[in-house]
Protein backbone atom coordinates (compact mmCIF):
# COMPACT_ATOMS: atom_id res chain seq x y z
CA MET A 1 -224.04 60.27 92.51
CA ASN A 2 -224.99 63.12 90.13
CA MET A 3 -225.31 62.70 86.38
CA SER A 4 -222.07 64.55 85.49
CA ARG A 5 -220.13 62.25 87.83
CA LEU A 6 -221.76 59.20 86.23
CA ILE A 7 -220.90 60.42 82.72
CA SER A 8 -217.28 61.10 83.69
CA LEU A 9 -216.97 57.56 85.09
CA PHE A 10 -218.39 56.24 81.82
CA PHE A 11 -215.68 57.85 79.67
CA GLN A 12 -212.68 58.15 82.00
CA GLY A 13 -210.66 56.03 84.40
CA SER A 14 -210.39 52.25 84.76
CA LEU A 15 -211.95 50.24 81.97
CA VAL A 16 -213.39 47.75 84.47
CA LYS A 17 -215.11 50.54 86.41
CA ARG A 18 -216.45 52.02 83.19
CA ILE A 19 -217.83 48.64 82.14
CA ALA A 20 -219.51 48.37 85.56
CA VAL A 21 -221.16 51.75 84.96
CA GLY A 22 -222.29 50.56 81.53
CA LEU A 23 -223.75 47.44 83.15
CA VAL A 24 -225.71 49.46 85.72
CA LEU A 25 -227.02 51.88 83.08
CA GLY A 26 -228.02 48.96 80.86
CA ILE A 27 -230.04 47.38 83.66
CA LEU A 28 -231.74 50.73 84.36
CA VAL A 29 -232.70 51.16 80.70
CA ALA A 30 -234.06 47.60 80.58
CA LEU A 31 -236.20 48.28 83.67
CA ILE A 32 -237.66 51.61 82.53
CA THR A 33 -238.25 50.61 78.89
CA PRO A 34 -241.70 49.01 79.52
CA MET A 35 -242.84 52.17 81.32
CA LEU A 36 -241.53 54.58 78.68
CA GLN A 37 -242.56 52.63 75.57
CA PRO A 38 -246.19 53.91 75.48
CA THR A 39 -244.96 57.50 75.80
CA LEU A 40 -242.00 57.28 73.44
CA GLY A 41 -243.71 55.09 70.87
CA PHE A 42 -240.65 52.86 70.46
CA ASN A 43 -238.61 50.31 72.43
CA LEU A 44 -235.75 52.26 74.04
CA ALA A 45 -233.76 49.14 75.01
CA GLU A 46 -233.97 47.85 71.44
CA LYS A 47 -232.69 51.15 70.10
CA VAL A 48 -229.68 51.35 72.42
CA GLY A 49 -229.08 47.66 71.80
CA VAL A 50 -227.67 48.69 68.43
CA LEU A 51 -224.66 50.06 70.33
CA GLY A 52 -223.95 46.56 71.65
CA GLN A 53 -224.31 45.03 68.20
CA ILE A 54 -221.89 47.57 66.74
CA PHE A 55 -219.35 46.83 69.48
CA VAL A 56 -219.49 43.05 68.99
CA ARG A 57 -219.29 43.40 65.20
CA SER A 58 -216.27 45.69 65.60
CA LEU A 59 -214.48 43.12 67.74
CA ARG A 60 -215.29 40.31 65.33
CA ALA A 61 -214.19 42.44 62.39
CA VAL A 62 -210.79 43.32 63.81
CA ALA A 63 -210.02 39.93 65.43
CA PRO A 64 -209.09 37.94 62.27
CA LEU A 65 -206.80 40.72 60.97
CA LEU A 66 -205.24 41.17 64.41
CA ILE A 67 -204.46 37.45 64.71
CA PHE A 68 -203.10 37.28 61.17
CA VAL A 69 -200.61 40.17 61.46
CA LEU A 70 -199.72 39.66 65.13
CA VAL A 71 -198.89 35.95 64.82
CA MET A 72 -197.07 36.49 61.52
CA ALA A 73 -195.02 39.38 62.96
CA ALA A 74 -194.20 37.50 66.17
CA ILE A 75 -192.93 34.41 64.33
CA ALA A 76 -191.14 36.38 61.59
CA ASN A 77 -189.24 38.44 64.17
CA LYS A 78 -188.62 35.56 66.58
CA LYS A 79 -184.96 35.33 67.46
CA VAL A 80 -183.26 32.05 66.63
CA GLY A 81 -182.87 29.97 69.76
CA SER A 82 -185.43 31.90 71.81
CA LYS A 83 -187.93 29.79 73.72
CA THR A 84 -191.67 30.20 74.19
CA SER A 85 -194.08 28.60 76.65
CA MET A 86 -196.39 27.07 74.04
CA LYS A 87 -195.88 23.44 75.09
CA SER A 88 -196.88 24.17 78.69
CA ILE A 89 -199.85 26.26 77.57
CA ILE A 90 -201.22 23.55 75.27
CA VAL A 91 -200.91 21.00 78.10
CA LEU A 92 -202.84 23.35 80.40
CA TYR A 93 -205.50 23.88 77.72
CA LEU A 94 -206.08 20.17 77.17
CA VAL A 95 -205.88 19.13 80.83
CA GLY A 96 -208.12 22.02 81.88
CA THR A 97 -210.78 21.13 79.31
CA PHE A 98 -210.80 17.44 80.30
CA LEU A 99 -210.98 18.25 84.03
CA ALA A 100 -213.89 20.59 83.33
CA ALA A 101 -215.75 17.77 81.57
CA LEU A 102 -214.96 15.47 84.51
CA VAL A 103 -216.31 18.04 86.97
CA ALA A 104 -219.48 18.24 84.88
CA VAL A 105 -219.89 14.46 84.96
CA ILE A 106 -219.55 14.42 88.75
CA ALA A 107 -222.01 17.31 89.07
CA GLY A 108 -224.41 15.50 86.75
CA PHE A 109 -224.30 12.42 88.99
CA LEU A 110 -224.58 14.37 92.25
CA PHE A 111 -227.44 16.55 91.01
CA PRO A 112 -229.33 14.53 88.38
CA THR A 113 -231.50 16.83 86.28
CA GLU A 114 -234.45 16.13 84.02
CA VAL A 115 -236.03 18.52 81.53
CA ALA A 116 -239.29 18.70 79.63
CA LEU A 117 -238.31 17.77 76.08
CA SER A 118 -240.82 19.71 74.07
CA VAL A 119 -238.67 22.22 72.19
CA LYS A 120 -237.95 21.56 68.53
CA GLU A 121 -234.75 22.80 66.92
CA ASP A 122 -233.12 22.08 63.57
CA ILE A 123 -229.80 20.25 63.93
CA SER A 124 -229.05 19.78 60.26
CA ALA A 125 -225.75 21.61 60.81
CA ALA A 126 -224.74 19.44 63.75
CA PRO A 127 -221.81 17.05 63.20
CA LYS A 128 -222.65 13.33 63.18
CA GLY A 129 -219.40 11.97 64.57
CA VAL A 130 -215.96 12.71 65.96
CA GLY A 131 -214.49 12.05 62.52
CA THR A 132 -216.62 14.83 61.07
CA VAL A 133 -215.32 17.28 63.66
CA LEU A 134 -211.70 16.36 62.86
CA LEU A 135 -212.31 16.52 59.12
CA ASP A 136 -213.89 19.97 59.45
CA LEU A 137 -210.83 21.04 61.44
CA ILE A 138 -208.51 19.94 58.62
CA PHE A 139 -210.68 21.65 55.99
CA ASN A 140 -210.57 24.87 58.02
CA MET A 141 -206.78 24.67 58.24
CA VAL A 142 -206.36 24.49 54.45
CA ASP A 143 -209.00 27.12 53.69
CA ASN A 144 -208.21 29.93 51.25
CA PRO A 145 -206.43 32.62 53.32
CA LEU A 146 -208.67 35.44 52.04
CA ASN A 147 -211.78 33.36 52.66
CA ALA A 148 -210.50 32.54 56.16
CA LEU A 149 -210.12 36.26 56.90
CA PHE A 150 -213.49 37.20 55.41
CA LYS A 151 -215.40 34.44 57.23
CA ALA A 152 -213.40 34.69 60.49
CA ASN A 153 -212.19 31.09 60.19
CA PHE A 154 -209.65 31.38 63.01
CA ILE A 155 -208.10 27.94 62.47
CA GLY A 156 -207.40 28.90 58.84
CA VAL A 157 -206.16 32.37 59.80
CA LEU A 158 -203.85 30.90 62.43
CA THR A 159 -202.50 28.26 60.05
CA TRP A 160 -201.69 30.78 57.31
CA SER A 161 -200.21 33.33 59.70
CA ILE A 162 -197.90 30.69 61.20
CA GLY A 163 -196.88 29.51 57.73
CA LEU A 164 -196.16 33.01 56.45
CA GLY A 165 -194.40 33.92 59.68
CA LEU A 166 -192.04 30.95 59.32
CA ALA A 167 -191.38 31.83 55.68
CA LEU A 168 -190.74 35.50 56.49
CA ARG A 169 -188.12 34.63 59.09
CA HIS A 170 -185.72 34.60 56.14
CA ALA A 171 -186.89 37.99 54.84
CA SER A 172 -184.83 41.18 55.03
CA ASP A 173 -184.82 43.30 58.17
CA ALA A 174 -186.68 46.04 56.30
CA THR A 175 -189.53 43.64 55.47
CA LYS A 176 -189.71 42.45 59.08
CA THR A 177 -189.84 46.07 60.25
CA VAL A 178 -192.77 46.80 57.93
CA ILE A 179 -194.63 43.73 59.26
CA SER A 180 -193.99 44.83 62.84
CA ASP A 181 -195.23 48.34 62.04
CA ILE A 182 -198.44 46.94 60.55
CA SER A 183 -198.89 44.77 63.64
CA GLU A 184 -198.52 47.84 65.88
CA ALA A 185 -201.01 49.79 63.76
CA VAL A 186 -203.65 47.05 64.01
CA SER A 187 -203.02 46.79 67.75
CA LYS A 188 -203.75 50.51 68.12
CA ILE A 189 -207.05 50.07 66.27
CA VAL A 190 -207.90 47.25 68.66
CA TYR A 191 -207.15 49.51 71.61
CA VAL A 192 -209.61 52.09 70.27
CA VAL A 193 -212.31 49.44 69.77
CA ILE A 194 -211.84 48.06 73.30
CA SER A 195 -212.11 51.56 74.77
CA PHE A 196 -215.75 51.53 73.65
CA ALA A 197 -216.49 48.39 75.70
CA PRO A 198 -218.58 50.26 78.32
CA ILE A 199 -220.90 51.58 75.60
CA GLY A 200 -221.10 48.12 74.04
CA VAL A 201 -221.94 46.47 77.37
CA PHE A 202 -224.57 49.16 78.00
CA GLY A 203 -226.30 48.30 74.72
CA LEU A 204 -225.99 44.53 75.09
CA VAL A 205 -227.37 44.46 78.64
CA SER A 206 -230.25 46.81 77.81
CA GLU A 207 -231.43 44.77 74.84
CA THR A 208 -230.92 41.33 76.37
CA LEU A 209 -232.67 41.96 79.68
CA ALA A 210 -235.53 43.91 78.12
CA ASP A 211 -236.08 41.22 75.49
CA LYS A 212 -235.94 38.04 77.59
CA GLY A 213 -235.38 38.97 81.20
CA LEU A 214 -234.69 36.29 83.79
CA VAL A 215 -238.30 35.18 84.28
CA ALA A 216 -238.13 33.02 81.18
CA LEU A 217 -235.46 30.89 82.86
CA GLY A 218 -237.64 29.91 85.83
CA GLY A 219 -238.45 26.43 84.51
CA TYR A 220 -234.80 25.57 84.08
CA ILE A 221 -233.41 26.77 87.40
CA GLN A 222 -231.93 23.41 88.44
CA LEU A 223 -230.30 22.79 85.07
CA LEU A 224 -228.87 26.32 85.09
CA SER A 225 -227.68 25.89 88.67
CA VAL A 226 -225.76 22.72 87.83
CA LEU A 227 -224.27 24.31 84.69
CA VAL A 228 -223.24 27.61 86.23
CA GLY A 229 -222.18 25.94 89.49
CA SER A 230 -219.85 23.60 87.59
CA MET A 231 -218.35 26.52 85.65
CA LEU A 232 -217.80 28.52 88.84
CA PHE A 233 -216.17 25.49 90.48
CA VAL A 234 -213.77 25.17 87.54
CA ALA A 235 -213.06 28.92 87.55
CA PHE A 236 -212.40 29.22 91.29
CA VAL A 237 -211.10 25.75 92.23
CA VAL A 238 -209.83 23.67 89.30
CA ASN A 239 -208.13 26.48 87.36
CA PRO A 240 -206.41 27.94 90.45
CA VAL A 241 -205.06 24.45 91.28
CA LEU A 242 -203.62 24.15 87.76
CA VAL A 243 -202.13 27.65 87.97
CA PHE A 244 -200.62 26.91 91.39
CA TRP A 245 -199.11 23.75 89.93
CA LYS A 246 -197.30 25.96 87.40
CA ILE A 247 -196.32 29.06 89.39
CA ARG A 248 -196.10 27.67 92.96
CA ARG A 249 -197.68 30.75 94.56
CA ASN A 250 -201.10 32.12 95.41
CA PRO A 251 -202.99 31.89 92.09
CA TYR A 252 -206.05 33.93 93.04
CA PRO A 253 -204.74 37.45 92.28
CA LEU A 254 -204.03 36.32 88.71
CA VAL A 255 -207.30 34.37 88.49
CA TRP A 256 -209.29 37.37 89.67
CA THR A 257 -207.53 39.74 87.26
CA CYS A 258 -208.31 37.50 84.28
CA LEU A 259 -211.94 36.99 85.29
CA ARG A 260 -212.46 40.69 85.95
CA GLU A 261 -210.76 42.09 82.87
CA SER A 262 -211.40 39.31 80.34
CA GLY A 263 -214.35 37.37 81.74
CA VAL A 264 -216.60 40.41 82.13
CA THR A 265 -216.40 41.48 78.48
CA ALA A 266 -216.64 37.86 77.30
CA PHE A 267 -219.78 37.41 79.41
CA PHE A 268 -221.56 40.13 77.45
CA THR A 269 -220.13 39.58 73.96
CA ARG A 270 -220.77 35.79 74.29
CA SER A 271 -218.00 35.09 71.80
CA SER A 272 -214.50 33.78 72.48
CA ALA A 273 -213.51 34.97 69.02
CA ALA A 274 -214.73 38.52 69.67
CA ASN A 275 -212.85 38.54 72.99
CA ILE A 276 -209.48 37.72 71.42
CA PRO A 277 -208.49 41.41 71.12
CA VAL A 278 -209.44 41.96 74.77
CA ASN A 279 -207.25 39.04 75.87
CA ILE A 280 -204.29 40.16 73.77
CA ASN A 281 -204.59 43.65 75.24
CA LEU A 282 -204.65 42.16 78.77
CA ALA A 283 -201.66 39.89 78.05
CA LYS A 284 -199.73 42.94 76.87
CA ARG A 285 -200.55 44.83 80.07
CA LEU A 286 -199.45 41.81 82.12
CA ASN A 287 -196.06 42.08 80.35
CA LEU A 288 -196.24 38.54 78.99
CA ASP A 289 -194.01 37.31 76.18
CA GLU A 290 -195.52 38.60 72.91
CA GLU A 291 -194.10 35.70 70.89
CA THR A 292 -196.10 33.39 73.16
CA TYR A 293 -199.43 35.16 73.71
CA SER A 294 -199.80 36.24 70.09
CA VAL A 295 -200.14 32.54 69.24
CA SER A 296 -201.60 31.06 72.44
CA ILE A 297 -204.55 33.47 72.77
CA PRO A 298 -206.08 32.80 69.32
CA LEU A 299 -205.25 29.10 69.69
CA GLY A 300 -207.02 29.06 73.06
CA ALA A 301 -210.13 30.58 71.48
CA THR A 302 -210.39 27.43 69.36
CA ILE A 303 -209.21 24.55 71.59
CA ASN A 304 -209.40 25.77 75.21
CA MET A 305 -213.10 25.24 75.85
CA ALA A 306 -213.70 24.21 79.46
CA GLY A 307 -217.10 25.93 79.51
CA ALA A 308 -218.16 24.22 76.30
CA ALA A 309 -217.12 20.82 77.70
CA ILE A 310 -219.31 21.46 80.75
CA THR A 311 -222.29 22.52 78.64
CA ILE A 312 -222.05 19.47 76.36
CA THR A 313 -221.69 17.09 79.32
CA ILE A 314 -224.45 18.51 81.54
CA LEU A 315 -227.04 18.77 78.76
CA THR A 316 -226.20 15.27 77.53
CA LEU A 317 -226.61 13.86 81.06
CA ALA A 318 -229.90 15.76 81.41
CA ALA A 319 -231.16 13.99 78.28
CA VAL A 320 -229.88 10.66 79.65
CA ASN A 321 -231.64 11.19 82.99
CA THR A 322 -234.87 12.29 81.32
CA LEU A 323 -234.94 9.12 79.21
CA GLY A 324 -234.03 6.90 82.19
CA ILE A 325 -230.81 5.57 80.63
CA GLU A 326 -228.32 3.96 83.04
CA VAL A 327 -224.79 5.38 82.79
CA SER A 328 -221.82 3.32 84.02
CA PHE A 329 -218.59 4.81 85.38
CA GLY A 330 -216.75 3.80 82.23
CA SER A 331 -219.37 5.48 80.06
CA ALA A 332 -219.06 8.63 82.17
CA ILE A 333 -215.29 8.74 81.63
CA LEU A 334 -215.82 8.18 77.90
CA LEU A 335 -218.33 11.04 77.91
CA SER A 336 -215.68 13.28 79.50
CA LEU A 337 -213.20 12.43 76.74
CA VAL A 338 -215.74 12.90 73.94
CA ALA A 339 -217.04 16.16 75.47
CA SER A 340 -213.45 17.45 75.67
CA LEU A 341 -212.83 16.59 72.04
CA CYS A 342 -216.17 18.07 70.99
CA ALA A 343 -215.42 21.23 72.96
CA CYS A 344 -212.13 21.68 71.08
CA GLY A 345 -214.15 21.66 67.87
CA ALA A 346 -216.76 24.11 69.14
CA SER A 347 -217.18 27.35 67.23
CA GLY A 348 -215.91 30.45 69.02
CA VAL A 349 -219.24 32.25 68.59
CA ALA A 350 -222.36 32.54 70.72
CA GLY A 351 -224.04 29.14 71.12
CA GLY A 352 -221.24 27.32 69.29
CA SER A 353 -221.09 24.44 71.77
CA LEU A 354 -224.79 23.56 71.50
CA LEU A 355 -224.56 22.06 68.01
CA LEU A 356 -222.10 19.47 69.37
CA ILE A 357 -224.58 18.03 71.89
CA PRO A 358 -225.94 15.43 69.40
CA LEU A 359 -222.43 14.03 69.01
CA ALA A 360 -222.17 13.37 72.75
CA CYS A 361 -225.77 12.12 72.92
CA SER A 362 -224.97 9.53 70.26
CA LEU A 363 -222.77 7.73 72.83
CA PHE A 364 -225.95 6.63 74.60
CA GLY A 365 -228.02 5.90 71.50
CA ILE A 366 -230.12 9.04 71.94
CA SER A 367 -231.94 9.99 68.74
CA ASP A 368 -231.29 13.17 66.79
CA ASP A 369 -234.82 14.32 67.57
CA VAL A 370 -234.21 14.26 71.32
CA ALA A 371 -230.75 15.79 70.86
CA ALA A 372 -232.38 18.56 68.82
CA GLN A 373 -234.71 19.29 71.70
CA MET A 374 -231.73 19.55 74.06
CA ILE A 375 -230.21 22.10 71.69
CA GLY A 376 -233.47 24.02 71.97
CA VAL A 377 -233.25 23.89 75.76
CA GLY A 378 -229.69 25.19 75.48
CA PHE A 379 -230.88 28.19 73.49
CA ILE A 380 -233.59 28.94 76.05
CA ILE A 381 -231.12 29.05 78.96
CA GLY A 382 -228.44 30.61 76.76
CA ILE A 383 -228.94 34.05 78.28
CA LEU A 384 -226.90 32.86 81.28
CA GLN A 385 -225.40 29.54 80.18
CA ASP A 386 -223.65 30.82 77.05
CA SER A 387 -222.50 34.04 78.71
CA THR A 388 -220.97 32.17 81.68
CA GLU A 389 -219.47 29.55 79.38
CA THR A 390 -217.76 32.18 77.23
CA ALA A 391 -216.49 34.08 80.27
CA LEU A 392 -214.86 30.87 81.56
CA ASN A 393 -213.47 29.86 78.17
CA SER A 394 -211.98 33.21 77.26
CA SER A 395 -210.60 34.25 80.64
CA THR A 396 -208.89 30.86 80.94
CA ASP A 397 -207.01 31.50 77.67
CA VAL A 398 -205.12 34.44 79.14
CA LEU A 399 -204.94 32.82 82.61
CA PHE A 400 -203.11 29.72 81.40
CA THR A 401 -200.91 31.79 79.08
CA ALA A 402 -199.91 34.02 82.00
CA ALA A 403 -199.28 31.03 84.28
CA ALA A 404 -196.97 29.34 81.76
CA CYS A 405 -195.09 32.57 81.02
CA ILE A 406 -194.64 33.37 84.74
CA ALA A 407 -193.45 29.83 85.45
CA ASP A 408 -190.85 30.04 82.67
CA GLU A 409 -189.68 33.47 83.90
CA ASP A 410 -189.21 32.07 87.40
CA LYS A 411 -186.98 29.30 86.03
CA LYS A 412 -184.59 31.79 84.43
């Protein structure tokens, strides 16, 4: 393939194909950087990595505003008596997250893993109990709306947008039209940002692989295998079963579409929050009900955390195995429930689930010092663990939304 053909693929055609080109180019830059650095006098991968940082920051910048206006417009313009699929979606979110934690427990028992606990990490920001997680959730809901937008507090943004949307249902038609126009304008900005995804992936891959590479993960191969294996099992077995339960047809075309078009970008941005615009764009192209997906996608980025539940469970069991603590069946089920609840409180940013490991570890009397070391282990393997976790979390948001919407359409 000549260079002109490669460049045309990078800027034209299917977004998925363009992202694949960006991925390949990123790997190439990461590989040649060590050879070129003495000649160039600077780190090429680090320089192009700025492109990835700009892309992720752009997504994070537009996501809170997009959620605010889209949810508000959808609720304000909702016709009286019209039905959405939110109840079914929330059930799928919660059941999916719990089943993911259960899969992780089974994997942890089948493939017991121990790690060398020598890494130190500060966990001063880690919550000390389930009550703390719930209290933080309530505080985020009643946050100042401007502060919620500025700090990307998605629970606060969602709460205020729903409240204003309900209030504006009684506004004049002219006001509702203005809100809809603003929503369309923000959506167009999002479309422009997403069109730069191939360039963003190119920068992210170049910098990440050149900086850490995969060699650094050698000592944690088994732990990574159990983690990633559990996430793949949920993505290709558990989730399709749940989708089939809803739509009563082959779920894999829909599963593959969501993984390919949502999971790929989430894998590289490593942020469910940053991937919200990507999911909303995909839901629109799937012709889903806007009144439903405008609420369910941002909600999913905060409570639909199957990947986070797996991470919390597997790393907690690794600490348990390392310390030689016996775990009963009842304790394992309790761990699944706590991990599910913890996952729902996980931050939608890179590494957000790791700070909740101490909460799960506390079930077995594991000290904060040991839990802190497990967080450190999580950051070491984060190059693959967090990327895979986010891809599962985010792609499942749009997958379950689509399944519920399709099921409701079939009933009509």
